[in-house]
PDB file of all heavy atoms in Angstrom:
ATOM      1  N   SER A   1      -5.772 -18.407  -4.732  1.00  0.00           N
ATOM      2  CA  SER A   1      -4.388 -18.103  -5.095  1.00  0.00           C
ATOM      3  C   SER A   1      -3.434 -18.793  -4.133  1.00  0.00           C
ATOM      4  O   SER A   1      -3.736 -18.984  -2.954  1.00  0.00           O
ATOM      5  CB  SER A   1      -4.166 -16.590  -5.064  1.00  0.00           C
ATOM      6  OG  SER A   1      -2.808 -16.286  -5.245  1.00  0.00           O
ATOM      7  N   SER A   2      -2.263 -19.151  -4.643  1.00  0.00           N
ATOM      8  CA  SER A   2      -1.233 -19.710  -3.769  1.00  0.00           C
ATOM      9  C   SER A   2      -0.571 -18.623  -2.937  1.00  0.00           C
ATOM     10  O   SER A   2       0.115 -18.910  -1.948  1.00  0.00           O
ATOM     11  CB  SER A   2      -0.173 -20.440  -4.608  1.00  0.00           C
ATOM     12  OG  SER A   2       0.426 -19.547  -5.539  1.00  0.00           O
ATOM     13  N   ALA A   3      -0.760 -17.355  -3.333  1.00  0.00           N
ATOM     14  CA  ALA A   3      -0.191 -16.227  -2.587  1.00  0.00           C
ATOM     15  C   ALA A   3      -1.026 -15.960  -1.346  1.00  0.00           C
ATOM     16  O   ALA A   3      -2.250 -16.020  -1.377  1.00  0.00           O
ATOM     17  CB  ALA A   3      -0.144 -14.983  -3.467  1.00  0.00           C
ATOM     18  N   LYS A   4      -0.359 -15.640  -0.257  1.00  0.00           N
ATOM     19  CA  LYS A   4      -1.066 -15.355   0.985  1.00  0.00           C
ATOM     20  C   LYS A   4      -1.744 -13.993   0.923  1.00  0.00           C
ATOM     21  O   LYS A   4      -2.795 -13.781   1.541  1.00  0.00           O
ATOM     22  CB  LYS A   4      -0.088 -15.408   2.161  1.00  0.00           C
ATOM     23  CG  LYS A   4      -0.755 -15.302   3.525  1.00  0.00           C
ATOM     24  CD  LYS A   4       0.236 -15.486   4.649  1.00  0.00           C
ATOM     25  CE  LYS A   4      -0.439 -15.401   6.015  1.00  0.00           C
ATOM     26  NZ  LYS A   4       0.531 -15.586   7.126  1.00  0.00           N
ATOM     27  N   THR A   5      -1.135 -13.056   0.192  1.00  0.00           N
ATOM     28  CA  THR A   5      -1.694 -11.723   0.047  1.00  0.00           C
ATOM     29  C   THR A   5      -1.824 -11.378  -1.433  1.00  0.00           C
ATOM     30  O   THR A   5      -1.135 -11.947  -2.280  1.00  0.00           O
ATOM     31  CB  THR A   5      -0.805 -10.667   0.732  1.00  0.00           C
ATOM     32  OG1 THR A   5       0.502 -10.694   0.151  1.00  0.00           O
ATOM     33  CG2 THR A   5      -0.689 -10.938   2.222  1.00  0.00           C
ATOM     34  N   MET A   6      -2.691 -10.451  -1.741  1.00  0.00           N
ATOM     35  CA  MET A   6      -2.921 -10.063  -3.131  1.00  0.00           C
ATOM     36  C   MET A   6      -1.698  -9.355  -3.699  1.00  0.00           C
ATOM     37  O   MET A   6      -1.258  -8.338  -3.154  1.00  0.00           O
ATOM     38  CB  MET A   6      -4.127  -9.131  -3.215  1.00  0.00           C
ATOM     39  CG  MET A   6      -4.509  -8.731  -4.633  1.00  0.00           C
ATOM     40  SD  MET A   6      -5.757  -7.413  -4.680  1.00  0.00           S
ATOM     41  CE  MET A   6      -4.744  -5.978  -4.257  1.00  0.00           C
ATOM     42  N   PRO A   7      -1.129  -9.847  -4.797  1.00  0.00           N
ATOM     43  CA  PRO A   7      -0.013  -9.133  -5.424  1.00  0.00           C
ATOM     44  C   PRO A   7      -0.489  -7.825  -6.027  1.00  0.00           C
ATOM     45  O   PRO A   7      -1.635  -7.701  -6.452  1.00  0.00           O
ATOM     46  CB  PRO A   7       0.452 -10.097  -6.530  1.00  0.00           C
ATOM     47  CG  PRO A   7      -0.198 -11.408  -6.236  1.00  0.00           C
ATOM     48  CD  PRO A   7      -1.459 -11.093  -5.495  1.00  0.00           C
ATOM     49  N   VAL A   8       0.400  -6.833  -6.024  1.00  0.00           N
ATOM     50  CA  VAL A   8       0.090  -5.564  -6.683  1.00  0.00           C
ATOM     51  C   VAL A   8       1.071  -5.363  -7.829  1.00  0.00           C
ATOM     52  O   VAL A   8       2.229  -5.791  -7.758  1.00  0.00           O
ATOM     53  CB  VAL A   8       0.131  -4.368  -5.711  1.00  0.00           C
ATOM     54  CG1 VAL A   8      -0.929  -4.522  -4.640  1.00  0.00           C
ATOM     55  CG2 VAL A   8       1.494  -4.209  -5.083  1.00  0.00           C
ATOM     56  N   THR A   9       0.588  -4.731  -8.887  1.00  0.00           N
ATOM     57  CA  THR A   9       1.354  -4.594 -10.118  1.00  0.00           C
ATOM     58  C   THR A   9       1.914  -3.184 -10.236  1.00  0.00           C
ATOM     59  O   THR A   9       1.161  -2.223 -10.418  1.00  0.00           O
ATOM     60  CB  THR A   9       0.466  -4.886 -11.344  1.00  0.00           C
ATOM     61  OG1 THR A   9      -0.124  -6.178 -11.195  1.00  0.00           O
ATOM     62  CG2 THR A   9       1.282  -4.845 -12.626  1.00  0.00           C
ATOM     63  N   THR A  10       3.230  -3.064 -10.101  1.00  0.00           N
ATOM     64  CA  THR A  10       3.906  -1.794 -10.305  1.00  0.00           C
ATOM     65  C   THR A  10       5.340  -2.067 -10.736  1.00  0.00           C
ATOM     66  O   THR A  10       5.946  -3.044 -10.298  1.00  0.00           O
ATOM     67  CB  THR A  10       3.902  -0.913  -9.039  1.00  0.00           C
ATOM     68  OG1 THR A  10       4.653   0.284  -9.293  1.00  0.00           O
ATOM     69  CG2 THR A  10       4.506  -1.624  -7.845  1.00  0.00           C
ATOM     70  N   SER A  11       5.852  -1.189 -11.571  1.00  0.00           N
ATOM     71  CA  SER A  11       7.235  -1.304 -12.031  1.00  0.00           C
ATOM     72  C   SER A  11       8.194  -0.533 -11.142  1.00  0.00           C
ATOM     73  O   SER A  11       9.406  -0.558 -11.368  1.00  0.00           O
ATOM     74  CB  SER A  11       7.344  -0.764 -13.471  1.00  0.00           C
ATOM     75  OG  SER A  11       6.938   0.606 -13.514  1.00  0.00           O
ATOM     76  N   SER A  12       7.659   0.143 -10.119  1.00  0.00           N
ATOM     77  CA  SER A  12       8.467   1.037  -9.295  1.00  0.00           C
ATOM     78  C   SER A  12       8.512   0.575  -7.844  1.00  0.00           C
ATOM     79  O   SER A  12       7.492   0.590  -7.152  1.00  0.00           O
ATOM     80  CB  SER A  12       7.886   2.456  -9.350  1.00  0.00           C
ATOM     81  OG  SER A  12       8.458   3.284  -8.370  1.00  0.00           O
ATOM     82  N   PRO A  13       9.682   0.170  -7.344  1.00  0.00           N
ATOM     83  CA  PRO A  13       9.800  -0.164  -5.917  1.00  0.00           C
ATOM     84  C   PRO A  13       9.396   1.008  -5.012  1.00  0.00           C
ATOM     85  O   PRO A  13       8.808   0.800  -3.950  1.00  0.00           O
ATOM     86  CB  PRO A  13      11.276  -0.508  -5.756  1.00  0.00           C
ATOM     87  CG  PRO A  13      11.732  -0.930  -7.122  1.00  0.00           C
ATOM     88  CD  PRO A  13      10.944  -0.069  -8.069  1.00  0.00           C
ATOM     89  N   LYS A  14       9.704   2.225  -5.442  1.00  0.00           N
ATOM     90  CA  LYS A  14       9.311   3.397  -4.652  1.00  0.00           C
ATOM     91  C   LYS A  14       7.800   3.495  -4.556  1.00  0.00           C
ATOM     92  O   LYS A  14       7.246   3.753  -3.474  1.00  0.00           O
ATOM     93  CB  LYS A  14       9.889   4.667  -5.283  1.00  0.00           C
ATOM     94  CG  LYS A  14       9.500   5.941  -4.544  1.00  0.00           C
ATOM     95  CD  LYS A  14      10.048   7.178  -5.238  1.00  0.00           C
ATOM     96  CE  LYS A  14       9.612   8.456  -4.508  1.00  0.00           C
ATOM     97  NZ  LYS A  14      10.119   9.674  -5.186  1.00  0.00           N
ATOM     98  N   ALA A  15       7.108   3.285  -5.687  1.00  0.00           N
ATOM     99  CA  ALA A  15       5.645   3.338  -5.684  1.00  0.00           C
ATOM    100  C   ALA A  15       5.071   2.261  -4.779  1.00  0.00           C
ATOM    101  O   ALA A  15       4.097   2.504  -4.049  1.00  0.00           O
ATOM    102  CB  ALA A  15       5.112   3.195  -7.105  1.00  0.00           C
ATOM    103  N   ARG A  16       5.656   1.071  -4.803  1.00  0.00           N
ATOM    104  CA  ARG A  16       5.175  -0.024  -3.958  1.00  0.00           C
ATOM    105  C   ARG A  16       5.341   0.317  -2.482  1.00  0.00           C
ATOM    106  O   ARG A  16       4.442   0.084  -1.669  1.00  0.00           O
ATOM    107  CB  ARG A  16       5.930  -1.310  -4.297  1.00  0.00           C
ATOM    108  CG  ARG A  16       5.629  -2.492  -3.369  1.00  0.00           C
ATOM    109  CD  ARG A  16       4.147  -2.840  -3.392  1.00  0.00           C
ATOM    110  NE  ARG A  16       3.775  -3.747  -2.343  1.00  0.00           N
ATOM    111  CZ  ARG A  16       3.637  -5.056  -2.510  1.00  0.00           C
ATOM    112  NH1 ARG A  16       3.872  -5.605  -3.690  1.00  0.00           N
ATOM    113  NH2 ARG A  16       3.277  -5.827  -1.515  1.00  0.00           N
ATOM    114  N   ASP A  17       6.479   0.906  -2.141  1.00  0.00           N
ATOM    115  CA  ASP A  17       6.713   1.283  -0.748  1.00  0.00           C
ATOM    116  C   ASP A  17       5.730   2.366  -0.307  1.00  0.00           C
ATOM    117  O   ASP A  17       5.160   2.294   0.789  1.00  0.00           O
ATOM    118  CB  ASP A  17       8.150   1.772  -0.585  1.00  0.00           C
ATOM    119  CG  ASP A  17       8.467   2.154   0.856  1.00  0.00           C
ATOM    120  OD1 ASP A  17       8.413   1.260   1.729  1.00  0.00           O
ATOM    121  OD2 ASP A  17       8.767   3.333   1.121  1.00  0.00           O
ATOM    122  N   LEU A  18       5.509   3.347  -1.161  1.00  0.00           N
ATOM    123  CA  LEU A  18       4.548   4.417  -0.846  1.00  0.00           C
ATOM    124  C   LEU A  18       3.134   3.855  -0.687  1.00  0.00           C
ATOM    125  O   LEU A  18       2.385   4.256   0.209  1.00  0.00           O
ATOM    126  CB  LEU A  18       4.567   5.473  -1.949  1.00  0.00           C
ATOM    127  CG  LEU A  18       5.810   6.372  -1.998  1.00  0.00           C
ATOM    128  CD1 LEU A  18       5.878   7.098  -3.335  1.00  0.00           C
ATOM    129  CD2 LEU A  18       5.791   7.379  -0.840  1.00  0.00           C
ATOM    130  N   PHE A  19       2.777   2.910  -1.554  1.00  0.00           N
ATOM    131  CA  PHE A  19       1.460   2.278  -1.483  1.00  0.00           C
ATOM    132  C   PHE A  19       1.281   1.545  -0.155  1.00  0.00           C
ATOM    133  O   PHE A  19       0.242   1.689   0.517  1.00  0.00           O
ATOM    134  CB  PHE A  19       1.287   1.304  -2.647  1.00  0.00           C
ATOM    135  CG  PHE A  19       0.023   0.502  -2.581  1.00  0.00           C
ATOM    136  CD1 PHE A  19      -1.176   1.020  -3.040  1.00  0.00           C
ATOM    137  CD2 PHE A  19       0.027  -0.783  -2.041  1.00  0.00           C
ATOM    138  CE1 PHE A  19      -2.345   0.288  -2.969  1.00  0.00           C
ATOM    139  CE2 PHE A  19      -1.139  -1.523  -1.961  1.00  0.00           C
ATOM    140  CZ  PHE A  19      -2.329  -0.987  -2.426  1.00  0.00           C
ATOM    141  N   ASP A  20       2.279   0.752   0.227  1.00  0.00           N
ATOM    142  CA  ASP A  20       2.185  -0.020   1.467  1.00  0.00           C
ATOM    143  C   ASP A  20       2.096   0.894   2.686  1.00  0.00           C
ATOM    144  O   ASP A  20       1.324   0.632   3.621  1.00  0.00           O
ATOM    145  CB  ASP A  20       3.379  -0.955   1.598  1.00  0.00           C
ATOM    146  CG  ASP A  20       3.293  -2.149   0.662  1.00  0.00           C
ATOM    147  OD1 ASP A  20       2.176  -2.481   0.223  1.00  0.00           O
ATOM    148  OD2 ASP A  20       4.345  -2.747   0.363  1.00  0.00           O
ATOM    149  N   ARG A  21       2.889   1.961   2.686  1.00  0.00           N
ATOM    150  CA  ARG A  21       2.852   2.896   3.807  1.00  0.00           C
ATOM    151  C   ARG A  21       1.471   3.570   3.899  1.00  0.00           C
ATOM    152  O   ARG A  21       0.930   3.762   4.994  1.00  0.00           O
ATOM    153  CB  ARG A  21       3.937   3.956   3.648  1.00  0.00           C
ATOM    154  CG  ARG A  21       5.356   3.444   3.875  1.00  0.00           C
ATOM    155  CD  ARG A  21       6.382   4.514   3.501  1.00  0.00           C
ATOM    156  NE  ARG A  21       7.733   4.041   3.664  1.00  0.00           N
ATOM    157  CZ  ARG A  21       8.473   4.214   4.755  1.00  0.00           C
ATOM    158  NH1 ARG A  21       7.954   4.861   5.796  1.00  0.00           N
ATOM    159  NH2 ARG A  21       9.695   3.760   4.813  1.00  0.00           N
ATOM    160  N   ALA A  22       0.925   3.920   2.735  1.00  0.00           N
ATOM    161  CA  ALA A  22      -0.393   4.550   2.715  1.00  0.00           C
ATOM    162  C   ALA A  22      -1.472   3.596   3.207  1.00  0.00           C
ATOM    163  O   ALA A  22      -2.403   4.006   3.924  1.00  0.00           O
ATOM    164  CB  ALA A  22      -0.719   5.038   1.307  1.00  0.00           C
ATOM    165  N   LEU A  23      -1.354   2.317   2.859  1.00  0.00           N
ATOM    166  CA  LEU A  23      -2.338   1.340   3.314  1.00  0.00           C
ATOM    167  C   LEU A  23      -2.272   1.182   4.828  1.00  0.00           C
ATOM    168  O   LEU A  23      -3.310   1.065   5.499  1.00  0.00           O
ATOM    169  CB  LEU A  23      -2.107   0.000   2.617  1.00  0.00           C
ATOM    170  CG  LEU A  23      -3.168  -1.073   2.828  1.00  0.00           C
ATOM    171  CD1 LEU A  23      -4.561  -0.563   2.461  1.00  0.00           C
ATOM    172  CD2 LEU A  23      -2.830  -2.322   2.015  1.00  0.00           C
ATOM    173  N   THR A  24      -1.066   1.205   5.384  1.00  0.00           N
ATOM    174  CA  THR A  24      -0.918   1.168   6.838  1.00  0.00           C
ATOM    175  C   THR A  24      -1.539   2.405   7.475  1.00  0.00           C
ATOM    176  O   THR A  24      -2.221   2.313   8.507  1.00  0.00           O
ATOM    177  CB  THR A  24       0.569   1.061   7.221  1.00  0.00           C
ATOM    178  OG1 THR A  24       1.101  -0.166   6.699  1.00  0.00           O
ATOM    179  CG2 THR A  24       0.749   1.068   8.734  1.00  0.00           C
ATOM    180  N   ASP A  25      -1.334   3.570   6.862  1.00  0.00           N
ATOM    181  CA  ASP A  25      -1.966   4.791   7.377  1.00  0.00           C
ATOM    182  C   ASP A  25      -3.489   4.653   7.346  1.00  0.00           C
ATOM    183  O   ASP A  25      -4.180   5.059   8.292  1.00  0.00           O
ATOM    184  CB  ASP A  25      -1.542   6.000   6.539  1.00  0.00           C
ATOM    185  CG  ASP A  25      -0.134   6.481   6.867  1.00  0.00           C
ATOM    186  OD1 ASP A  25       0.328   6.249   7.996  1.00  0.00           O
ATOM    187  OD2 ASP A  25       0.504   7.078   5.982  1.00  0.00           O
ATOM    188  N   TYR A  26      -4.013   4.098   6.260  1.00  0.00           N
ATOM    189  CA  TYR A  26      -5.459   3.906   6.153  1.00  0.00           C
ATOM    190  C   TYR A  26      -5.963   2.995   7.275  1.00  0.00           C
ATOM    191  O   TYR A  26      -6.977   3.289   7.924  1.00  0.00           O
ATOM    192  CB  TYR A  26      -5.815   3.317   4.794  1.00  0.00           C
ATOM    193  CG  TYR A  26      -7.271   2.951   4.671  1.00  0.00           C
ATOM    194  CD1 TYR A  26      -8.216   3.922   4.361  1.00  0.00           C
ATOM    195  CD2 TYR A  26      -7.702   1.640   4.900  1.00  0.00           C
ATOM    196  CE1 TYR A  26      -9.570   3.591   4.273  1.00  0.00           C
ATOM    197  CE2 TYR A  26      -9.042   1.310   4.811  1.00  0.00           C
ATOM    198  CZ  TYR A  26      -9.965   2.283   4.506  1.00  0.00           C
ATOM    199  OH  TYR A  26     -11.297   1.960   4.430  1.00  0.00           O
ATOM    200  N   GLU A  27      -5.264   1.901   7.510  1.00  0.00           N
ATOM    201  CA  GLU A  27      -5.666   0.962   8.558  1.00  0.00           C
ATOM    202  C   GLU A  27      -5.640   1.619   9.931  1.00  0.00           C
ATOM    203  O   GLU A  27      -6.438   1.285  10.811  1.00  0.00           O
ATOM    204  CB  GLU A  27      -4.741  -0.247   8.551  1.00  0.00           C
ATOM    205  CG  GLU A  27      -4.890  -1.132   7.328  1.00  0.00           C
ATOM    206  CD  GLU A  27      -3.843  -2.225   7.276  1.00  0.00           C
ATOM    207  OE1 GLU A  27      -2.712  -2.009   7.784  1.00  0.00           O
ATOM    208  OE2 GLU A  27      -4.139  -3.291   6.733  1.00  0.00           O
ATOM    209  N   ASN A  28      -4.725   2.562  10.116  1.00  0.00           N
ATOM    210  CA  ASN A  28      -4.607   3.265  11.389  1.00  0.00           C
ATOM    211  C   ASN A  28      -5.469   4.523  11.448  1.00  0.00           C
ATOM    212  O   ASN A  28      -5.348   5.326  12.370  1.00  0.00           O
ATOM    213  CB  ASN A  28      -3.145   3.620  11.660  1.00  0.00           C
ATOM    214  CG  ASN A  28      -2.314   2.394  12.004  1.00  0.00           C
ATOM    215  OD1 ASN A  28      -2.789   1.500  12.710  1.00  0.00           O
ATOM    216  ND2 ASN A  28      -1.097   2.325  11.515  1.00  0.00           N
ATOM    217  N   LEU A  29      -6.329   4.688  10.430  1.00  0.00           N
ATOM    218  CA  LEU A  29      -7.323   5.754  10.374  1.00  0.00           C
ATOM    219  C   LEU A  29      -6.729   7.138  10.146  1.00  0.00           C
ATOM    220  O   LEU A  29      -7.381   8.151  10.407  1.00  0.00           O
ATOM    221  CB  LEU A  29      -8.204   5.754  11.635  1.00  0.00           C
ATOM    222  CG  LEU A  29      -8.890   4.409  11.948  1.00  0.00           C
ATOM    223  CD1 LEU A  29      -9.700   4.515  13.231  1.00  0.00           C
ATOM    224  CD2 LEU A  29      -9.759   3.941  10.792  1.00  0.00           C
ATOM    225  N   TYR A  30      -5.506   7.173   9.612  1.00  0.00           N
ATOM    226  CA  TYR A  30      -4.928   8.439   9.162  1.00  0.00           C
ATOM    227  C   TYR A  30      -5.283   8.580   7.680  1.00  0.00           C
ATOM    228  O   TYR A  30      -4.456   8.369   6.787  1.00  0.00           O
ATOM    229  CB  TYR A  30      -3.419   8.445   9.380  1.00  0.00           C
ATOM    230  CG  TYR A  30      -3.015   8.380  10.833  1.00  0.00           C
ATOM    231  CD1 TYR A  30      -2.397   7.253  11.362  1.00  0.00           C
ATOM    232  CD2 TYR A  30      -3.276   9.459  11.688  1.00  0.00           C
ATOM    233  CE1 TYR A  30      -2.033   7.191  12.696  1.00  0.00           C
ATOM    234  CE2 TYR A  30      -2.915   9.404  13.032  1.00  0.00           C
ATOM    235  CZ  TYR A  30      -2.290   8.263  13.524  1.00  0.00           C
ATOM    236  OH  TYR A  30      -1.938   8.216  14.858  1.00  0.00           O
ATOM    237  N   LEU A  31      -6.527   8.941   7.422  1.00  0.00           N
ATOM    238  CA  LEU A  31      -7.082   8.807   6.078  1.00  0.00           C
ATOM    239  C   LEU A  31      -6.490   9.804   5.090  1.00  0.00           C
ATOM    240  O   LEU A  31      -6.213   9.450   3.943  1.00  0.00           O
ATOM    241  CB  LEU A  31      -8.603   8.936   6.143  1.00  0.00           C
ATOM    242  CG  LEU A  31      -9.300   7.916   7.069  1.00  0.00           C
ATOM    243  CD1 LEU A  31     -10.809   8.076   6.966  1.00  0.00           C
ATOM    244  CD2 LEU A  31      -8.882   6.488   6.732  1.00  0.00           C
ATOM    245  N   GLU A  32      -6.302  11.048   5.506  1.00  0.00           N
ATOM    246  CA  GLU A  32      -5.740  12.022   4.569  1.00  0.00           C
ATOM    247  C   GLU A  32      -4.265  11.723   4.315  1.00  0.00           C
ATOM    248  O   GLU A  32      -3.775  11.907   3.192  1.00  0.00           O
ATOM    249  CB  GLU A  32      -5.919  13.446   5.095  1.00  0.00           C
ATOM    250  CG  GLU A  32      -5.466  14.520   4.115  1.00  0.00           C
ATOM    251  CD  GLU A  32      -6.053  14.344   2.711  1.00  0.00           C
ATOM    252  OE1 GLU A  32      -7.225  13.933   2.574  1.00  0.00           O
ATOM    253  OE2 GLU A  32      -5.329  14.606   1.733  1.00  0.00           O
ATOM    254  N   ARG A  33      -3.564  11.250   5.321  1.00  0.00           N
ATOM    255  CA  ARG A  33      -2.165  10.862   5.103  1.00  0.00           C
ATOM    256  C   ARG A  33      -2.083   9.696   4.128  1.00  0.00           C
ATOM    257  O   ARG A  33      -1.163   9.619   3.311  1.00  0.00           O
ATOM    258  CB  ARG A  33      -1.507  10.513   6.439  1.00  0.00           C
ATOM    259  CG  ARG A  33       0.020  10.502   6.388  1.00  0.00           C
ATOM    260  CD  ARG A  33       0.597  10.655   7.772  1.00  0.00           C
ATOM    261  NE  ARG A  33       0.550   9.411   8.514  1.00  0.00           N
ATOM    262  CZ  ARG A  33       0.860   9.306   9.801  1.00  0.00           C
ATOM    263  NH1 ARG A  33       1.214  10.398  10.488  1.00  0.00           N
ATOM    264  NH2 ARG A  33       0.809   8.152  10.423  1.00  0.00           N
ATOM    265  N   ALA A  34      -3.060   8.806   4.197  1.00  0.00           N
ATOM    266  CA  ALA A  34      -3.116   7.708   3.225  1.00  0.00           C
ATOM    267  C   ALA A  34      -3.311   8.249   1.819  1.00  0.00           C
ATOM    268  O   ALA A  34      -2.663   7.797   0.867  1.00  0.00           O
ATOM    269  CB  ALA A  34      -4.244   6.744   3.590  1.00  0.00           C
ATOM    270  N   ASN A  35      -4.204   9.225   1.660  1.00  0.00           N
ATOM    271  CA  ASN A  35      -4.411   9.828   0.345  1.00  0.00           C
ATOM    272  C   ASN A  35      -3.121  10.425  -0.201  1.00  0.00           C
ATOM    273  O   ASN A  35      -2.801  10.265  -1.388  1.00  0.00           O
ATOM    274  CB  ASN A  35      -5.471  10.942   0.433  1.00  0.00           C
ATOM    275  CG  ASN A  35      -6.874  10.398   0.572  1.00  0.00           C
ATOM    276  OD1 ASN A  35      -7.157   9.280   0.169  1.00  0.00           O
ATOM    277  ND2 ASN A  35      -7.762  11.198   1.137  1.00  0.00           N
ATOM    278  N   ILE A  36      -2.382  11.115   0.650  1.00  0.00           N
ATOM    279  CA  ILE A  36      -1.126  11.727   0.223  1.00  0.00           C
ATOM    280  C   ILE A  36      -0.173  10.648  -0.279  1.00  0.00           C
ATOM    281  O   ILE A  36       0.507  10.814  -1.304  1.00  0.00           O
ATOM    282  CB  ILE A  36      -0.501  12.528   1.381  1.00  0.00           C
ATOM    283  CG1 ILE A  36      -1.374  13.753   1.696  1.00  0.00           C
ATOM    284  CG2 ILE A  36       0.924  12.956   1.052  1.00  0.00           C
ATOM    285  CD1 ILE A  36      -0.992  14.463   2.986  1.00  0.00           C
TER     286      ILE A  36
END
């Protein structure tokens, strides 16, 4: 892909922001917070 990172498909900017924050929580090992 020409994209540096994998695009994600959502119609909601709020959902995208929540997803990104959760992924950061997952990377930082806050696993249940990521689930939320």
